[in-house]
Protein backbone atom coordinates (compact mmCIF):
# COMPACT_ATOMS: atom_id res chain seq x y z
CA UNK A 1 -13.64 10.85 12.36
CA UNK A 2 -11.76 13.85 10.99
CA UNK A 3 -10.13 14.53 14.36
CA UNK A 4 -8.89 10.95 14.45
CA UNK A 5 -7.46 11.22 10.94
CA UNK A 6 -5.65 14.46 11.81
CA UNK A 7 -4.28 12.86 14.96
CA UNK A 8 -3.10 9.85 12.97
CA UNK A 9 -1.17 12.08 10.57
CA UNK A 10 0.28 14.21 13.38
CA UNK A 11 1.41 11.15 15.34
CA UNK A 12 2.99 9.52 12.28
CA UNK A 13 4.81 12.78 11.51
CA UNK A 14 6.51 12.53 14.91
CA UNK A 15 8.08 9.25 13.82
CA UNK A 16 8.67 9.75 10.08
CA UNK A 17 10.07 13.27 9.92
CA UNK A 18 9.54 15.59 6.99
CA UNK A 19 7.30 13.26 4.96
CA UNK A 20 3.81 14.61 5.59
CA UNK A 21 2.57 14.13 2.02
CA UNK A 22 3.87 10.55 1.83
CA UNK A 23 2.23 9.74 5.16
CA UNK A 24 -1.08 11.14 3.92
CA UNK A 25 -0.83 9.04 0.76
CA UNK A 26 -0.13 5.91 2.82
CA UNK A 27 -3.10 6.60 5.09
CA UNK A 28 -5.28 7.38 2.07
CA UNK A 29 -4.35 3.98 0.66
CA UNK A 30 -5.46 2.19 3.84
CA UNK A 31 -8.70 4.17 4.10
CA UNK A 32 -9.48 3.09 0.53
CA UNK A 33 -8.93 -0.56 1.57
CA UNK A 34 -5.87 -0.78 -0.64
CA UNK A 35 -2.44 -2.37 -0.35
CA UNK A 36 0.66 -0.20 -0.33
CA UNK A 37 4.03 -0.66 -2.06
CA UNK A 38 6.92 1.45 -0.75
CA UNK A 39 9.90 1.43 -3.09
CA UNK A 40 13.18 3.01 -2.08
CA UNK A 41 16.74 2.34 -1.02
CA UNK A 42 17.32 0.64 2.36
CA UNK A 43 17.34 2.82 5.45
CA UNK A 44 14.92 5.62 4.62
CA UNK A 45 12.08 4.47 6.91
CA UNK A 46 9.93 2.11 4.83
CA UNK A 47 9.57 -0.53 7.56
CA UNK A 48 9.22 2.14 10.24
CA UNK A 49 6.28 3.71 8.41
CA UNK A 50 4.48 0.36 8.14
CA UNK A 51 5.02 -0.40 11.84
CA UNK A 52 3.88 3.12 12.80
CA UNK A 53 0.59 2.84 10.91
CA UNK A 54 -0.16 -0.58 12.39
CA UNK A 55 0.54 0.71 15.90
CA UNK A 56 -1.62 3.82 15.53
CA UNK A 57 -4.50 1.77 14.11
CA UNK A 58 -4.30 -0.90 16.79
CA UNK A 59 -3.92 -3.67 14.22
CA UNK A 60 -2.18 -7.03 14.59
CA UNK A 61 1.11 -6.65 12.74
CA UNK A 62 3.47 -9.24 11.30
CA UNK A 63 6.66 -8.71 9.34
CA UNK A 64 7.72 -11.29 6.75
CA UNK A 65 11.30 -11.04 5.57
CA UNK A 66 11.30 -12.02 1.91
CA UNK A 67 14.45 -13.81 0.75
CA UNK A 68 15.41 -15.80 -2.33
CA UNK A 69 14.72 -19.11 -0.56
CA UNK A 70 11.37 -18.28 1.07
CA UNK A 71 8.53 -20.65 0.13
CA UNK A 72 4.77 -20.01 -0.20
CA UNK A 73 4.18 -22.20 2.88
CA UNK A 74 6.40 -19.85 4.90
CA UNK A 75 3.88 -17.11 4.12
CA UNK A 76 0.53 -18.90 4.04
CA UNK A 77 1.05 -21.75 6.49
CA UNK A 78 0.93 -25.51 6.09
CA UNK A 79 -0.90 -28.63 7.21
CA UNK A 80 1.10 -30.69 9.69
CA UNK A 81 0.25 -34.27 10.66
CA UNK A 82 -0.96 -34.59 14.24
CA UNK A 83 0.16 -38.04 15.38
CA UNK A 84 -2.03 -37.89 18.48
CA UNK A 85 -5.28 -37.36 16.60
CA UNK A 86 -4.12 -39.07 13.39
CA UNK A 87 -5.07 -36.10 11.23
CA UNK A 88 -3.55 -33.13 9.45
CA UNK A 89 -3.90 -29.83 11.25
CA UNK A 90 -3.51 -26.48 9.51
CA UNK A 91 -1.01 -24.10 11.07
CA UNK A 92 -1.68 -20.53 9.84
CA UNK A 93 1.25 -18.59 8.47
CA UNK A 94 2.12 -14.94 9.13
CA UNK A 95 -0.30 -13.76 6.43
CA UNK A 96 -3.10 -14.31 8.95
CA UNK A 97 -2.64 -10.87 10.50
CA UNK A 98 -4.37 -7.55 9.90
CA UNK A 99 -1.23 -5.79 8.68
CA UNK A 100 1.35 -7.87 6.87
CA UNK A 101 4.66 -6.22 6.08
CA UNK A 102 6.21 -7.97 3.08
CA UNK A 103 9.70 -6.67 3.66
CA UNK A 104 11.93 -6.51 0.56
CA UNK A 105 9.30 -8.35 -1.46
CA UNK A 106 11.36 -8.27 -4.64
CA UNK A 107 14.14 -10.32 -3.08
CA UNK A 108 11.83 -13.36 -3.26
CA UNK A 109 11.22 -15.41 -6.38
CA UNK A 110 8.00 -14.89 -8.39
CA UNK A 111 6.70 -18.18 -6.97
CA UNK A 112 6.90 -16.81 -3.42
CA UNK A 113 5.57 -13.41 -4.46
CA UNK A 114 2.50 -15.04 -6.01
CA UNK A 115 1.54 -16.53 -2.63
CA UNK A 116 0.07 -13.12 -1.78
CA UNK A 117 -2.08 -12.72 -4.91
CA UNK A 118 -5.26 -14.39 -3.62
CA UNK A 119 -4.86 -12.83 -0.18
CA UNK A 120 -4.56 -9.32 -1.59
CA UNK A 121 -7.42 -9.67 -4.07
CA UNK A 122 -9.97 -11.84 -2.24
CA UNK A 123 -8.94 -11.54 1.44
CA UNK A 124 -8.63 -15.29 1.74
CA UNK A 125 -6.14 -18.06 1.06
CA UNK A 126 -6.76 -21.51 -0.36
CA UNK A 127 -4.53 -24.35 0.78
CA UNK A 128 -4.98 -27.97 -0.25
CA UNK A 129 -8.46 -27.23 -1.55
CA UNK A 130 -9.69 -25.53 1.61
CA UNK A 131 -10.34 -21.78 1.84
CA UNK A 132 -9.47 -19.79 4.95
CA UNK A 133 -10.71 -16.18 5.41
CA UNK A 134 -8.24 -13.55 6.53
CA UNK A 135 -8.85 -11.19 9.47
CA UNK A 136 -10.46 -7.84 8.76
CA UNK A 137 -9.32 -5.23 8.12
CA UNK A 138 -6.45 -6.71 6.09
CA UNK A 139 -3.58 -4.78 4.51
CA UNK A 140 -0.37 -5.75 2.80
CA UNK A 141 2.35 -3.13 3.03
CA UNK A 142 5.31 -4.23 0.93
CA UNK A 143 8.74 -2.66 0.74
CA UNK A 144 10.83 -3.00 -2.38
CA UNK A 145 14.45 -2.20 -3.13
CA UNK A 146 15.30 -0.50 -6.42
CA UNK A 147 15.43 -3.05 -9.24
CA UNK A 148 19.04 -2.24 -10.10
CA UNK A 149 20.24 -3.56 -6.74
CA UNK A 150 21.80 -7.02 -6.60
CA UNK A 151 19.56 -9.99 -5.74
CA UNK A 152 16.19 -8.60 -6.78
CA UNK A 153 13.43 -10.16 -8.86
CA UNK A 154 11.07 -7.76 -10.66
CA UNK A 155 7.46 -7.94 -9.52
CA UNK A 156 5.18 -9.22 -12.30
CA UNK A 157 2.53 -6.83 -13.61
CA UNK A 158 -0.21 -8.96 -12.01
CA UNK A 159 1.45 -8.51 -8.60
CA UNK A 160 2.07 -4.79 -9.06
CA UNK A 161 -1.57 -4.30 -10.04
CA UNK A 162 -2.71 -5.64 -6.64
CA UNK A 163 -1.14 -2.62 -4.94
CA UNK A 164 -3.46 0.36 -4.88
CA UNK A 165 -0.53 2.76 -4.48
CA UNK A 166 3.23 2.87 -4.82
CA UNK A 167 5.19 5.61 -3.04
CA UNK A 168 8.82 6.54 -2.48
CA UNK A 169 10.01 8.15 0.74
CA UNK A 170 13.35 9.55 -0.38
CA UNK A 171 15.96 11.22 1.77
CA UNK A 172 14.80 13.62 4.50
CA UNK A 173 15.52 17.31 4.13
CA UNK A 174 18.31 18.87 6.20
CA UNK A 175 16.06 20.01 9.05
CA UNK A 176 14.26 16.67 9.35
CA UNK A 177 17.54 14.75 9.24
CA UNK A 178 19.06 16.93 11.95
CA UNK A 179 16.03 16.30 14.17
CA UNK A 180 16.31 12.58 13.40
CA UNK A 181 20.01 12.48 14.31
CA UNK A 182 19.50 14.44 17.52
CA UNK A 183 16.25 12.71 18.55
CA UNK A 184 15.23 9.51 20.26
CA UNK A 185 15.34 6.02 18.81
CA UNK A 186 12.44 5.66 16.36
CA UNK A 187 11.59 2.11 17.44
CA UNK A 188 11.28 3.16 21.06
CA UNK A 189 9.02 6.02 20.04
CA UNK A 190 6.77 3.64 18.08
CA UNK A 191 6.30 1.43 21.13
CA UNK A 192 5.06 4.43 23.13
CA UNK A 193 2.51 5.51 20.50
CA UNK A 194 -1.15 5.33 21.59
CA UNK A 195 -3.83 3.66 19.49
CA UNK A 196 -5.62 6.50 17.75
CA UNK A 197 -8.23 4.56 15.78
CA UNK A 198 -9.68 1.16 16.66
CA UNK A 199 -10.11 -1.49 13.94
CA UNK A 200 -13.91 -1.12 14.16
CA UNK A 201 -13.68 2.66 13.75
CA UNK A 202 -11.32 2.19 10.82
CA UNK A 203 -13.81 -0.06 9.06
CA UNK A 204 -16.55 2.54 9.61
CA UNK A 205 -14.36 5.16 7.97
CA UNK A 206 -13.63 2.81 5.07
CA UNK A 207 -17.36 2.39 4.58
CA UNK A 208 -17.88 6.17 4.74
CA UNK A 209 -15.20 6.62 2.07
CA UNK A 210 -17.23 4.52 -0.37
CA UNK A 211 -20.14 6.96 0.05
CA UNK A 212 -18.17 9.98 -1.19
CA UNK A 213 -20.01 11.36 -4.22
CA UNK A 214 -18.54 11.22 -7.73
CA UNK A 215 -20.26 13.39 -10.34
CA UNK A 216 -20.72 12.51 -14.01
CA UNK A 217 -18.33 15.33 -14.93
CA UNK A 218 -15.66 13.84 -12.65
CA UNK A 219 -16.21 10.43 -14.23
CA UNK A 220 -15.72 12.02 -17.67
CA UNK A 221 -12.47 13.52 -16.42
CA UNK A 222 -11.30 10.19 -15.02
CA UNK A 223 -12.16 8.39 -18.25
CA UNK A 224 -10.27 10.98 -20.27
CA UNK A 225 -7.13 10.31 -18.21
CA UNK A 226 -7.51 6.56 -18.59
CA UNK A 227 -8.03 6.88 -22.35
CA UNK A 228 -4.93 9.07 -22.64
CA UNK A 229 -2.75 6.37 -21.05
CA UNK A 230 -4.10 3.83 -23.53
CA UNK A 231 -3.65 5.97 -26.62
CA UNK A 232 -0.41 7.79 -25.84
CA UNK A 233 2.76 6.26 -27.36
CA UNK A 234 4.54 6.98 -24.07
CA UNK A 235 2.78 4.02 -22.45
CA UNK A 236 3.12 0.55 -23.98
CA UNK A 237 0.12 -0.52 -21.90
CA UNK A 238 -2.45 1.89 -20.49
CA UNK A 239 -4.47 1.74 -17.29
CA UNK A 240 -6.79 -1.26 -17.01
CA UNK A 241 -10.37 -1.03 -15.71
CA UNK A 242 -9.02 -2.17 -12.34
CA UNK A 243 -6.54 0.70 -12.47
CA UNK A 244 -9.37 3.14 -13.19
CA UNK A 245 -11.36 1.84 -10.23
CA UNK A 246 -8.26 2.12 -8.04
CA UNK A 247 -7.85 5.75 -9.08
CA UNK A 248 -11.44 6.55 -8.08
CA UNK A 249 -11.16 4.70 -4.75
CA UNK A 250 -8.01 6.61 -3.85
CA UNK A 251 -9.54 9.93 -4.93
CA UNK A 252 -12.59 9.28 -2.72
CA UNK A 253 -10.34 8.60 0.28
CA UNK A 254 -8.30 11.75 -0.42
CA UNK A 255 -11.48 13.81 -0.63
CA UNK A 256 -12.72 12.29 2.65
CA UNK A 257 -9.44 13.16 4.36
CA UNK A 258 -9.91 16.74 3.15
CA UNK A 259 -13.42 16.77 4.69
CA UNK A 260 -15.19 16.87 1.33
CA UNK A 261 -18.27 14.78 0.54
CA UNK A 262 -17.60 14.84 -3.21
CA UNK A 263 -14.52 14.20 -5.34
CA UNK A 264 -13.03 17.15 -7.20
CA UNK A 265 -10.37 17.06 -9.96
CA UNK A 266 -7.64 18.05 -7.48
CA UNK A 267 -8.30 14.82 -5.56
CA UNK A 268 -7.59 12.74 -8.66
CA UNK A 269 -4.48 14.78 -9.37
CA UNK A 270 -3.20 14.33 -5.81
CA UNK A 271 -3.24 10.51 -6.00
CA UNK A 272 -2.63 10.02 -9.73
CA UNK A 273 1.14 9.45 -9.65
CA UNK A 274 0.93 7.04 -6.69
CA UNK A 275 -1.89 5.01 -8.27
CA UNK A 276 -0.83 5.05 -11.92
CA UNK A 277 2.98 5.06 -11.77
CA UNK A 278 3.57 1.37 -11.12
CA UNK A 279 0.73 0.30 -13.40
CA UNK A 280 2.28 2.12 -16.34
CA UNK A 281 5.73 0.76 -15.58
CA UNK A 282 7.46 -0.58 -18.67
CA UNK A 283 10.74 0.53 -20.07
CA UNK A 284 10.84 4.28 -19.52
CA UNK A 285 7.13 4.52 -18.65
CA UNK A 286 7.78 4.81 -14.93
CA UNK A 287 10.31 7.63 -15.20
CA UNK A 288 9.64 10.92 -13.46
CA UNK A 289 9.35 12.68 -16.81
CA UNK A 290 6.66 10.31 -18.07
CA UNK A 291 4.57 10.52 -14.91
CA UNK A 292 5.01 14.30 -15.00
CA UNK A 293 3.56 14.32 -18.51
CA UNK A 294 0.49 12.46 -17.27
CA UNK A 295 0.07 14.93 -14.41
CA UNK A 296 0.38 17.78 -16.92
CA UNK A 297 -2.48 16.30 -18.93
CA UNK A 298 -4.50 15.86 -15.73
CA UNK A 299 -4.05 19.47 -14.68
CA UNK A 300 -4.77 20.92 -18.10
């Protein structure tokens, strides 16, 4: 298992240059059975990262381009009347794939965004009173443009909370950008990537992640961090119980990736900003300074 994880990271690093930590966070999110939100300006590799992970994991991948006029039926599917059999037949939408890339999710209206809520939380969709299970494993990887850009709709807190992690890729450093400019086309490289981990093997790893031990002392530490976010005036709204569970899930996956069978405080610290940042977002609460203050509390 560990060899496969290392190979996954190494292969992804050949496509997304100079972003090893971000790649590890993205993989950690998937191993914890979470959904990933990548927020950044266009052109820094958000879509490429999603496609790379799907390819390496051998998962069925579908990209949905979110626009201001997209409808829930464009995402979930719809029932169409079959004149031959005189009945309505359900035609599944693109959400019925193992990896769904919700590209530029905040360019869609809240009504379209909400079409993903049930799918992300319960791994199923309900249409016209009938429930349809989604394929397993199932991940939503959403990209989001900065909120100050024209034509964006802010994601509601309920939607943000469905994402286990939010990361930013940022610009590459000078060496990585030079290699990118002088190298091959990224999309061609993705097509040549081998499958490193089968879907069945991935699900076994996800199950193993849940077995990583969490001591009472670590739970005390986690609770102290959660309580701080609720009591500090820096955060209008602290972490919810779901946010606390998300923090533990991510920490377990990070510990597993580091070949540890128990979570240590450094695991919580490693994933804290990615798990808590978007959940504490309100006013200035998502600024780098505010997240840094939370990390300072976590370390000390």
